[in-house]
Every structure is written in C-alpha cells, then in structure tokens.
Amino acid sequence: DTARKNVETITVPELSPEVLIDPTTTVEDFTPAVWEVEI
C-alpha cells in the first residue's frame, strides 16, 4: 500500500551542454585509434 512514483512525479536531472553528444557525430568518430603508418 506504499505510494508509488509515476512518470510525472520523477525529476530527471538536466545534462550540461558539454556532455551532450554533437548531433553531427558519426560512427567513425568512435572508431578505436590505430597506428599511423610511418615512412
């Protein structure tokens, strides 16, 4: 019989701008770094 929280009563913290993902980011941006072939 305990009162339960619903969607309306839950507070979601706002993300700061610096942690938001750039909408232009592509999958290639997350590709692991590899050795640059040296000459």
PDB file of all heavy atoms in Angstrom:
ATOM      1  N   ASP A   1       0.805  -1.211   0.000  1.00  0.00           N
ATOM      2  CA  ASP A   1       0.000   0.000   0.000  1.00  0.00           C
ATOM      3  C   ASP A   1       0.843   1.268   0.000  1.00  0.00           C
ATOM      4  O   ASP A   1       0.316   2.368   0.152  1.00  0.00           O
ATOM      5  CB  ASP A   1      -0.943   0.006   1.208  1.00  0.00           C
ATOM      6  CG  ASP A   1      -0.177  -0.132   2.515  1.00  0.00           C
ATOM      7  OD1 ASP A   1       1.050  -0.403   2.452  1.00  0.00           O
ATOM      8  OD2 ASP A   1      -0.804   0.021   3.582  1.00  0.00           O
ATOM      9  N   THR A   2       2.179   1.130  -0.162  1.00  0.00           N
ATOM     10  CA  THR A   2       3.026   2.309  -0.201  1.00  0.00           C
ATOM     11  C   THR A   2       2.773   3.088  -1.478  1.00  0.00           C
ATOM     12  O   THR A   2       2.647   2.520  -2.567  1.00  0.00           O
ATOM     13  CB  THR A   2       4.517   1.906  -0.142  1.00  0.00           C
ATOM     14  OG1 THR A   2       4.735   1.169   1.065  1.00  0.00           O
ATOM     15  CG2 THR A   2       5.409   3.133  -0.164  1.00  0.00           C
ATOM     16  N   ALA A   3       2.741   4.413  -1.359  1.00  0.00           N
ATOM     17  CA  ALA A   3       2.502   5.261  -2.536  1.00  0.00           C
ATOM     18  C   ALA A   3       3.665   5.137  -3.512  1.00  0.00           C
ATOM     19  O   ALA A   3       4.824   5.178  -3.114  1.00  0.00           O
ATOM     20  CB  ALA A   3       2.343   6.713  -2.093  1.00  0.00           C
ATOM     21  N   ARG A   4       3.370   4.941  -4.802  1.00  0.00           N
ATOM     22  CA  ARG A   4       4.387   4.774  -5.824  1.00  0.00           C
ATOM     23  C   ARG A   4       4.510   6.037  -6.675  1.00  0.00           C
ATOM     24  O   ARG A   4       3.540   6.733  -6.912  1.00  0.00           O
ATOM     25  CB  ARG A   4       4.048   3.575  -6.720  1.00  0.00           C
ATOM     26  CG  ARG A   4       3.985   2.268  -5.963  1.00  0.00           C
ATOM     27  CD  ARG A   4       3.620   1.117  -6.883  1.00  0.00           C
ATOM     28  NE  ARG A   4       3.532  -0.133  -6.156  1.00  0.00           N
ATOM     29  CZ  ARG A   4       4.540  -0.949  -5.920  1.00  0.00           C
ATOM     30  NH1 ARG A   4       5.727  -0.640  -6.372  1.00  0.00           N
ATOM     31  NH2 ARG A   4       4.377  -2.060  -5.248  1.00  0.00           N
ATOM     32  N   LYS A   5       5.787   6.274  -7.185  1.00  0.00           N
ATOM     33  CA  LYS A   5       6.021   7.430  -8.046  1.00  0.00           C
ATOM     34  C   LYS A   5       5.685   7.072  -9.490  1.00  0.00           C
ATOM     35  O   LYS A   5       5.985   5.980  -9.946  1.00  0.00           O
ATOM     36  CB  LYS A   5       7.479   7.878  -7.957  1.00  0.00           C
ATOM     37  CG  LYS A   5       7.860   8.427  -6.598  1.00  0.00           C
ATOM     38  CD  LYS A   5       9.310   8.904  -6.606  1.00  0.00           C
ATOM     39  CE  LYS A   5       9.684   9.479  -5.251  1.00  0.00           C
ATOM     40  NZ  LYS A   5      11.086   9.981  -5.245  1.00  0.00           N
ATOM     41  N   ASN A   6       5.067   8.001 -10.188  1.00  0.00           N
ATOM     42  CA  ASN A   6       4.812   7.807 -11.615  1.00  0.00           C
ATOM     43  C   ASN A   6       5.720   8.720 -12.428  1.00  0.00           C
ATOM     44  O   ASN A   6       6.574   9.424 -11.885  1.00  0.00           O
ATOM     45  CB  ASN A   6       3.337   8.066 -11.943  1.00  0.00           C
ATOM     46  CG  ASN A   6       2.880   9.431 -11.432  1.00  0.00           C
ATOM     47  OD1 ASN A   6       3.671  10.356 -11.380  1.00  0.00           O
ATOM     48  ND2 ASN A   6       1.606   9.513 -11.062  1.00  0.00           N
ATOM     49  N   VAL A   7       5.552   8.715 -13.745  1.00  0.00           N
ATOM     50  CA  VAL A   7       6.420   9.494 -14.626  1.00  0.00           C
ATOM     51  C   VAL A   7       6.366  10.977 -14.288  1.00  0.00           C
ATOM     52  O   VAL A   7       7.374  11.691 -14.361  1.00  0.00           O
ATOM     53  CB  VAL A   7       6.036   9.238 -16.094  1.00  0.00           C
ATOM     54  CG1 VAL A   7       6.858  10.108 -17.031  1.00  0.00           C
ATOM     55  CG2 VAL A   7       6.204   7.777 -16.432  1.00  0.00           C
ATOM     56  N   GLU A   8       5.191  11.454 -13.959  1.00  0.00           N
ATOM     57  CA  GLU A   8       5.038  12.879 -13.703  1.00  0.00           C
ATOM     58  C   GLU A   8       5.765  13.323 -12.446  1.00  0.00           C
ATOM     59  O   GLU A   8       6.188  14.478 -12.323  1.00  0.00           O
ATOM     60  CB  GLU A   8       3.546  13.242 -13.593  1.00  0.00           C
ATOM     61  CG  GLU A   8       2.786  13.203 -14.918  1.00  0.00           C
ATOM     62  CD  GLU A   8       2.474  11.785 -15.373  1.00  0.00           C
ATOM     63  OE1 GLU A   8       2.646  10.867 -14.541  1.00  0.00           O
ATOM     64  OE2 GLU A   8       2.072  11.600 -16.534  1.00  0.00           O
ATOM     65  N   THR A   9       5.896  12.424 -11.458  1.00  0.00           N
ATOM     66  CA  THR A   9       6.484  12.825 -10.183  1.00  0.00           C
ATOM     67  C   THR A   9       7.993  12.603 -10.114  1.00  0.00           C
ATOM     68  O   THR A   9       8.630  13.001  -9.149  1.00  0.00           O
ATOM     69  CB  THR A   9       5.818  12.029  -9.039  1.00  0.00           C
ATOM     70  OG1 THR A   9       6.014  10.634  -9.272  1.00  0.00           O
ATOM     71  CG2 THR A   9       4.332  12.355  -8.972  1.00  0.00           C
ATOM     72  N   ILE A  10       8.587  11.936 -11.150  1.00  0.00           N
ATOM     73  CA  ILE A  10      10.037  11.699 -11.152  1.00  0.00           C
ATOM     74  C   ILE A  10      10.744  12.871 -11.811  1.00  0.00           C
ATOM     75  O   ILE A  10      10.381  13.287 -12.911  1.00  0.00           O
ATOM     76  CB  ILE A  10      10.380  10.402 -11.890  1.00  0.00           C
ATOM     77  CG1 ILE A  10       9.776   9.200 -11.143  1.00  0.00           C
ATOM     78  CG2 ILE A  10      11.888  10.226 -12.029  1.00  0.00           C
ATOM     79  CD1 ILE A  10       9.994   7.887 -11.832  1.00  0.00           C
ATOM     80  N   THR A  11      11.751  13.396 -11.157  1.00  0.00           N
ATOM     81  CA  THR A  11      12.521  14.519 -11.678  1.00  0.00           C
ATOM     82  C   THR A  11      13.783  14.013 -12.375  1.00  0.00           C
ATOM     83  O   THR A  11      14.589  13.309 -11.766  1.00  0.00           O
ATOM     84  CB  THR A  11      12.920  15.474 -10.547  1.00  0.00           C
ATOM     85  OG1 THR A  11      11.734  15.916  -9.866  1.00  0.00           O
ATOM     86  CG2 THR A  11      13.677  16.685 -11.109  1.00  0.00           C
ATOM     87  N   VAL A  12      13.944  14.347 -13.644  1.00  0.00           N
ATOM     88  CA  VAL A  12      15.120  13.942 -14.420  1.00  0.00           C
ATOM     89  C   VAL A  12      16.122  15.091 -14.431  1.00  0.00           C
ATOM     90  O   VAL A  12      15.773  16.207 -14.831  1.00  0.00           O
ATOM     91  CB  VAL A  12      14.732  13.571 -15.863  1.00  0.00           C
ATOM     92  CG1 VAL A  12      15.971  13.157 -16.662  1.00  0.00           C
ATOM     93  CG2 VAL A  12      13.706  12.456 -15.848  1.00  0.00           C
ATOM     94  N   PRO A  13      17.381  14.850 -13.977  1.00  0.00           N
ATOM     95  CA  PRO A  13      18.360  15.947 -13.981  1.00  0.00           C
ATOM     96  C   PRO A  13      18.714  16.350 -15.407  1.00  0.00           C
ATOM     97  O   PRO A  13      18.793  15.525 -16.308  1.00  0.00           O
ATOM     98  CB  PRO A  13      19.574  15.331 -13.265  1.00  0.00           C
ATOM     99  CG  PRO A  13      19.420  13.870 -13.459  1.00  0.00           C
ATOM    100  CD  PRO A  13      17.955  13.604 -13.463  1.00  0.00           C
ATOM    101  N   GLU A  14      18.930  17.636 -15.602  1.00  0.00           N
ATOM    102  CA  GLU A  14      19.292  18.138 -16.918  1.00  0.00           C
ATOM    103  C   GLU A  14      20.781  17.950 -17.169  1.00  0.00           C
ATOM    104  O   GLU A  14      21.603  18.155 -16.274  1.00  0.00           O
ATOM    105  CB  GLU A  14      18.930  19.625 -17.022  1.00  0.00           C
ATOM    106  CG  GLU A  14      17.438  19.897 -16.965  1.00  0.00           C
ATOM    107  CD  GLU A  14      17.137  21.373 -17.164  1.00  0.00           C
ATOM    108  OE1 GLU A  14      18.107  22.133 -17.364  1.00  0.00           O
ATOM    109  OE2 GLU A  14      15.953  21.741 -17.140  1.00  0.00           O
ATOM    110  N   LEU A  15      21.132  17.539 -18.394  1.00  0.00           N
ATOM    111  CA  LEU A  15      22.539  17.365 -18.774  1.00  0.00           C
ATOM    112  C   LEU A  15      23.128  18.708 -19.146  1.00  0.00           C
ATOM    113  O   LEU A  15      22.499  19.522 -19.821  1.00  0.00           O
ATOM    114  CB  LEU A  15      22.661  16.400 -19.961  1.00  0.00           C
ATOM    115  CG  LEU A  15      22.241  14.953 -19.705  1.00  0.00           C
ATOM    116  CD1 LEU A  15      22.337  14.161 -21.004  1.00  0.00           C
ATOM    117  CD2 LEU A  15      23.104  14.321 -18.638  1.00  0.00           C
ATOM    118  N   SER A  16      24.363  18.914 -18.699  1.00  0.00           N
ATOM    119  CA  SER A  16      25.050  20.152 -19.058  1.00  0.00           C
ATOM    120  C   SER A  16      25.429  20.106 -20.532  1.00  0.00           C
ATOM    121  O   SER A  16      25.628  19.041 -21.104  1.00  0.00           O
ATOM    122  CB  SER A  16      26.314  20.317 -18.204  1.00  0.00           C
ATOM    123  OG  SER A  16      27.158  19.217 -18.366  1.00  0.00           O
ATOM    124  N   PRO A  17      25.555  21.247 -21.186  1.00  0.00           N
ATOM    125  CA  PRO A  17      25.825  21.277 -22.641  1.00  0.00           C
ATOM    126  C   PRO A  17      27.095  20.542 -23.033  1.00  0.00           C
ATOM    127  O   PRO A  17      27.163  19.953 -24.105  1.00  0.00           O
ATOM    128  CB  PRO A  17      25.926  22.777 -22.942  1.00  0.00           C
ATOM    129  CG  PRO A  17      25.172  23.444 -21.847  1.00  0.00           C
ATOM    130  CD  PRO A  17      25.353  22.592 -20.629  1.00  0.00           C
ATOM    131  N   GLU A  18      28.132  20.544 -22.147  1.00  0.00           N
ATOM    132  CA  GLU A  18      29.396  19.942 -22.560  1.00  0.00           C
ATOM    133  C   GLU A  18      29.351  18.429 -22.625  1.00  0.00           C
ATOM    134  O   GLU A  18      30.248  17.804 -23.189  1.00  0.00           O
ATOM    135  CB  GLU A  18      30.525  20.391 -21.626  1.00  0.00           C
ATOM    136  CG  GLU A  18      30.296  20.078 -20.158  1.00  0.00           C
ATOM    137  CD  GLU A  18      29.625  21.241 -19.447  1.00  0.00           C
ATOM    138  OE1 GLU A  18      29.069  22.098 -20.149  1.00  0.00           O
ATOM    139  OE2 GLU A  18      29.672  21.278 -18.207  1.00  0.00           O
ATOM    140  N   VAL A  19      28.341  17.783 -22.021  1.00  0.00           N
ATOM    141  CA  VAL A  19      28.275  16.335 -22.081  1.00  0.00           C
ATOM    142  C   VAL A  19      27.274  15.840 -23.115  1.00  0.00           C
ATOM    143  O   VAL A  19      27.115  14.647 -23.297  1.00  0.00           O
ATOM    144  CB  VAL A  19      27.924  15.728 -20.700  1.00  0.00           C
ATOM    145  CG1 VAL A  19      28.950  16.110 -19.684  1.00  0.00           C
ATOM    146  CG2 VAL A  19      26.527  16.154 -20.257  1.00  0.00           C
ATOM    147  N   LEU A  20      26.596  16.752 -23.764  1.00  0.00           N
ATOM    148  CA  LEU A  20      25.662  16.344 -24.806  1.00  0.00           C
ATOM    149  C   LEU A  20      26.417  15.934 -26.063  1.00  0.00           C
ATOM    150  O   LEU A  20      27.458  16.502 -26.395  1.00  0.00           O
ATOM    151  CB  LEU A  20      24.700  17.504 -25.132  1.00  0.00           C
ATOM    152  CG  LEU A  20      23.694  17.879 -24.038  1.00  0.00           C
ATOM    153  CD1 LEU A  20      22.922  19.115 -24.466  1.00  0.00           C
ATOM    154  CD2 LEU A  20      22.753  16.728 -23.744  1.00  0.00           C
ATOM    155  N   ILE A  21      25.951  14.915 -26.761  1.00  0.00           N
ATOM    156  CA  ILE A  21      26.600  14.430 -27.977  1.00  0.00           C
ATOM    157  C   ILE A  21      26.238  15.331 -29.147  1.00  0.00           C
ATOM    158  O   ILE A  21      25.068  15.682 -29.351  1.00  0.00           O
ATOM    159  CB  ILE A  21      26.177  12.982 -28.272  1.00  0.00           C
ATOM    160  CG1 ILE A  21      26.614  12.069 -27.132  1.00  0.00           C
ATOM    161  CG2 ILE A  21      26.754  12.494 -29.593  1.00  0.00           C
ATOM    162  CD1 ILE A  21      26.176  10.649 -27.303  1.00  0.00           C
ATOM    163  N   ASP A  22      27.238  15.694 -29.885  1.00  0.00           N
ATOM    164  CA  ASP A  22      27.032  16.524 -31.074  1.00  0.00           C
ATOM    165  C   ASP A  22      26.158  15.750 -32.071  1.00  0.00           C
ATOM    166  O   ASP A  22      26.454  14.606 -32.422  1.00  0.00           O
ATOM    167  CB  ASP A  22      28.394  16.840 -31.703  1.00  0.00           C
ATOM    168  CG  ASP A  22      28.263  17.835 -32.861  1.00  0.00           C
ATOM    169  OD1 ASP A  22      27.132  18.079 -33.305  1.00  0.00           O
ATOM    170  OD2 ASP A  22      29.311  18.336 -33.308  1.00  0.00           O
ATOM    171  N   PRO A  23      25.072  16.333 -32.524  1.00  0.00           N
ATOM    172  CA  PRO A  23      24.189  15.611 -33.456  1.00  0.00           C
ATOM    173  C   PRO A  23      24.867  15.243 -34.770  1.00  0.00           C
ATOM    174  O   PRO A  23      24.404  14.363 -35.483  1.00  0.00           O
ATOM    175  CB  PRO A  23      23.033  16.594 -33.675  1.00  0.00           C
ATOM    176  CG  PRO A  23      23.565  17.928 -33.269  1.00  0.00           C
ATOM    177  CD  PRO A  23      24.556  17.668 -32.184  1.00  0.00           C
ATOM    178  N   THR A  24      25.981  15.902 -35.086  1.00  0.00           N
ATOM    179  CA  THR A  24      26.680  15.595 -36.347  1.00  0.00           C
ATOM    180  C   THR A  24      27.680  14.461 -36.186  1.00  0.00           C
ATOM    181  O   THR A  24      28.348  14.075 -37.149  1.00  0.00           O
ATOM    182  CB  THR A  24      27.416  16.840 -36.851  1.00  0.00           C
ATOM    183  OG1 THR A  24      28.412  17.227 -35.881  1.00  0.00           O
ATOM    184  CG2 THR A  24      26.457  17.999 -37.078  1.00  0.00           C
ATOM    185  N   THR A  25      27.821  13.908 -34.957  1.00  0.00           N
ATOM    186  CA  THR A  25      28.786  12.841 -34.715  1.00  0.00           C
ATOM    187  C   THR A  25      28.389  11.583 -35.474  1.00  0.00           C
ATOM    188  O   THR A  25      27.212  11.198 -35.504  1.00  0.00           O
ATOM    189  CB  THR A  25      28.864  12.524 -33.212  1.00  0.00           C
ATOM    190  OG1 THR A  25      29.233  13.708 -32.515  1.00  0.00           O
ATOM    191  CG2 THR A  25      29.919  11.451 -32.954  1.00  0.00           C
ATOM    192  N   THR A  26      29.381  10.926 -36.083  1.00  0.00           N
ATOM    193  CA  THR A  26      29.140   9.700 -36.843  1.00  0.00           C
ATOM    194  C   THR A  26      29.784   8.516 -36.143  1.00  0.00           C
ATOM    195  O   THR A  26      30.546   8.670 -35.187  1.00  0.00           O
ATOM    196  CB  THR A  26      29.720   9.821 -38.262  1.00  0.00           C
ATOM    197  OG1 THR A  26      31.135  10.009 -38.156  1.00  0.00           O
ATOM    198  CG2 THR A  26      29.102  10.999 -38.997  1.00  0.00           C
ATOM    199  N   VAL A  27      29.502   7.321 -36.657  1.00  0.00           N
ATOM    200  CA  VAL A  27      30.058   6.104 -36.080  1.00  0.00           C
ATOM    201  C   VAL A  27      31.580   6.104 -36.184  1.00  0.00           C
ATOM    202  O   VAL A  27      32.280   5.624 -35.297  1.00  0.00           O
ATOM    203  CB  VAL A  27      29.465   4.869 -36.792  1.00  0.00           C
ATOM    204  CG1 VAL A  27      30.124   3.591 -36.283  1.00  0.00           C
ATOM    205  CG2 VAL A  27      27.969   4.819 -36.594  1.00  0.00           C
ATOM    206  N   GLU A  28      32.097   6.672 -37.282  1.00  0.00           N
ATOM    207  CA  GLU A  28      33.552   6.663 -37.477  1.00  0.00           C
ATOM    208  C   GLU A  28      34.289   7.419 -36.381  1.00  0.00           C
ATOM    209  O   GLU A  28      35.455   7.152 -36.097  1.00  0.00           O
ATOM    210  CB  GLU A  28      33.902   7.267 -38.846  1.00  0.00           C
ATOM    211  CG  GLU A  28      33.586   6.370 -40.027  1.00  0.00           C
ATOM    212  CD  GLU A  28      32.087   6.296 -40.319  1.00  0.00           C
ATOM    213  OE1 GLU A  28      31.346   7.130 -39.772  1.00  0.00           O
ATOM    214  OE2 GLU A  28      31.675   5.407 -41.086  1.00  0.00           O
ATOM    215  N   ASP A  29      33.574   8.380 -35.740  1.00  0.00           N
ATOM    216  CA  ASP A  29      34.219   9.160 -34.684  1.00  0.00           C
ATOM    217  C   ASP A  29      34.532   8.303 -33.463  1.00  0.00           C
ATOM    218  O   ASP A  29      35.319   8.700 -32.609  1.00  0.00           O
ATOM    219  CB  ASP A  29      33.327  10.342 -34.273  1.00  0.00           C
ATOM    220  CG  ASP A  29      33.169  11.343 -35.405  1.00  0.00           C
ATOM    221  OD1 ASP A  29      34.147  11.556 -36.137  1.00  0.00           O
ATOM    222  OD2 ASP A  29      32.069  11.900 -35.548  1.00  0.00           O
ATOM    223  N   PHE A  30      33.885   7.145 -33.336  1.00  0.00           N
ATOM    224  CA  PHE A  30      34.114   6.268 -32.196  1.00  0.00           C
ATOM    225  C   PHE A  30      35.004   5.083 -32.559  1.00  0.00           C
ATOM    226  O   PHE A  30      35.178   4.164 -31.775  1.00  0.00           O
ATOM    227  CB  PHE A  30      32.776   5.752 -31.645  1.00  0.00           C
ATOM    228  CG  PHE A  30      31.928   6.831 -31.055  1.00  0.00           C
ATOM    229  CD1 PHE A  30      30.943   7.449 -31.810  1.00  0.00           C
ATOM    230  CD2 PHE A  30      32.124   7.260 -29.758  1.00  0.00           C
ATOM    231  CE1 PHE A  30      30.161   8.454 -31.275  1.00  0.00           C
ATOM    232  CE2 PHE A  30      31.338   8.259 -29.208  1.00  0.00           C
ATOM    233  CZ  PHE A  30      30.354   8.870 -29.963  1.00  0.00           C
ATOM    234  N   THR A  31      35.594   5.094 -33.755  1.00  0.00           N
ATOM    235  CA  THR A  31      36.478   4.011 -34.175  1.00  0.00           C
ATOM    236  C   THR A  31      37.763   4.059 -33.356  1.00  0.00           C
ATOM    237  O   THR A  31      38.353   5.122 -33.193  1.00  0.00           O
ATOM    238  CB  THR A  31      36.830   4.149 -35.672  1.00  0.00           C
ATOM    239  OG1 THR A  31      35.619   4.150 -36.413  1.00  0.00           O
ATOM    240  CG2 THR A  31      37.726   2.995 -36.120  1.00  0.00           C
ATOM    241  N   PRO A  32      38.227   2.929 -32.773  1.00  0.00           N
ATOM    242  CA  PRO A  32      39.459   2.939 -31.984  1.00  0.00           C
ATOM    243  C   PRO A  32      40.634   3.439 -32.805  1.00  0.00           C
ATOM    244  O   PRO A  32      40.730   3.200 -34.012  1.00  0.00           O
ATOM    245  CB  PRO A  32      39.636   1.454 -31.605  1.00  0.00           C
ATOM    246  CG  PRO A  32      38.275   0.850 -31.741  1.00  0.00           C
ATOM    247  CD  PRO A  32      37.599   1.610 -32.830  1.00  0.00           C
ATOM    248  N   ALA A  33      41.547   4.136 -32.118  1.00  0.00           N
ATOM    249  CA  ALA A  33      42.728   4.673 -32.798  1.00  0.00           C
ATOM    250  C   ALA A  33      43.649   3.541 -33.238  1.00  0.00           C
ATOM    251  O   ALA A  33      43.797   2.532 -32.551  1.00  0.00           O
ATOM    252  CB  ALA A  33      43.476   5.613 -31.857  1.00  0.00           C
ATOM    253  N   VAL A  34      44.254   3.696 -34.392  1.00  0.00           N
ATOM    254  CA  VAL A  34      45.209   2.710 -34.896  1.00  0.00           C
ATOM    255  C   VAL A  34      46.520   3.419 -35.172  1.00  0.00           C
ATOM    256  O   VAL A  34      46.598   4.640 -35.250  1.00  0.00           O
ATOM    257  CB  VAL A  34      44.697   2.032 -36.190  1.00  0.00           C
ATOM    258  CG1 VAL A  34      43.448   1.232 -35.922  1.00  0.00           C
ATOM    259  CG2 VAL A  34      44.442   3.076 -37.268  1.00  0.00           C
ATOM    260  N   TRP A  35      47.597   2.600 -35.309  1.00  0.00           N
ATOM    261  CA  TRP A  35      48.905   3.172 -35.599  1.00  0.00           C
ATOM    262  C   TRP A  35      48.877   3.877 -36.956  1.00  0.00           C
ATOM    263  O   TRP A  35      48.360   3.364 -37.943  1.00  0.00           O
ATOM    264  CB  TRP A  35      49.966   2.071 -35.643  1.00  0.00           C
ATOM    265  CG  TRP A  35      50.324   1.494 -34.316  1.00  0.00           C
ATOM    266  CD1 TRP A  35      50.009   0.255 -33.841  1.00  0.00           C
ATOM    267  CD2 TRP A  35      51.081   2.121 -33.285  1.00  0.00           C
ATOM    268  NE1 TRP A  35      50.507   0.079 -32.586  1.00  0.00           N
ATOM    269  CE2 TRP A  35      51.172   1.204 -32.221  1.00  0.00           C
ATOM    270  CE3 TRP A  35      51.687   3.369 -33.158  1.00  0.00           C
ATOM    271  CZ2 TRP A  35      51.856   1.500 -31.053  1.00  0.00           C
ATOM    272  CZ3 TRP A  35      52.363   3.649 -31.988  1.00  0.00           C
ATOM    273  CH2 TRP A  35      52.437   2.727 -30.954  1.00  0.00           C
ATOM    274  N   GLU A  36      49.448   5.056 -36.994  1.00  0.00           N
ATOM    275  CA  GLU A  36      49.646   5.735 -38.272  1.00  0.00           C
ATOM    276  C   GLU A  36      50.891   5.146 -38.923  1.00  0.00           C
ATOM    277  O   GLU A  36      51.959   5.107 -38.319  1.00  0.00           O
ATOM    278  CB  GLU A  36      49.828   7.230 -38.047  1.00  0.00           C
ATOM    279  CG  GLU A  36      50.007   8.012 -39.334  1.00  0.00           C
ATOM    280  CD  GLU A  36      50.165   9.499 -39.087  1.00  0.00           C
ATOM    281  OE1 GLU A  36      49.978   9.918 -37.927  1.00  0.00           O
ATOM    282  OE2 GLU A  36      50.477  10.217 -40.047  1.00  0.00           O
ATOM    283  N   VAL A  37      50.743   4.659 -40.133  1.00  0.00           N
ATOM    284  CA  VAL A  37      51.860   4.011 -40.812  1.00  0.00           C
ATOM    285  C   VAL A  37      52.965   5.025 -41.055  1.00  0.00           C
ATOM    286  O   VAL A  37      52.743   6.096 -41.630  1.00  0.00           O
ATOM    287  CB  VAL A  37      51.399   3.382 -42.145  1.00  0.00           C
ATOM    288  CG1 VAL A  37      52.577   2.780 -42.889  1.00  0.00           C
ATOM    289  CG2 VAL A  37      50.339   2.319 -41.872  1.00  0.00           C
ATOM    290  N   GLU A  38      54.154   4.691 -40.572  1.00  0.00           N
ATOM    291  CA  GLU A  38      55.288   5.593 -40.700  1.00  0.00           C
ATOM    292  C   GLU A  38      56.057   5.301 -41.983  1.00  0.00           C
ATOM    293  O   GLU A  38      56.031   4.189 -42.506  1.00  0.00           O
ATOM    294  CB  GLU A  38      56.219   5.426 -39.492  1.00  0.00           C
ATOM    295  CG  GLU A  38      55.539   5.697 -38.155  1.00  0.00           C
ATOM    296  CD  GLU A  38      56.440   5.356 -36.984  1.00  0.00           C
ATOM    297  OE1 GLU A  38      57.593   4.956 -37.218  1.00  0.00           O
ATOM    298  OE2 GLU A  38      55.988   5.490 -35.839  1.00  0.00           O
ATOM    299  N   ILE A  39      56.751   6.312 -42.453  1.00  0.00           N
ATOM    300  CA  ILE A  39      57.622   6.161 -43.618  1.00  0.00           C
ATOM    301  C   ILE A  39      59.060   6.196 -43.116  1.00  0.00           C
ATOM    302  O   ILE A  39      59.546   7.251 -42.686  1.00  0.00           O
ATOM    303  CB  ILE A  39      57.388   7.279 -44.650  1.00  0.00           C
ATOM    304  CG1 ILE A  39      55.923   7.247 -45.117  1.00  0.00           C
ATOM    305  CG2 ILE A  39      58.343   7.132 -45.826  1.00  0.00           C
ATOM    306  CD1 ILE A  39      55.569   8.376 -46.061  1.00  0.00           C
TER     307      ILE A  39
END
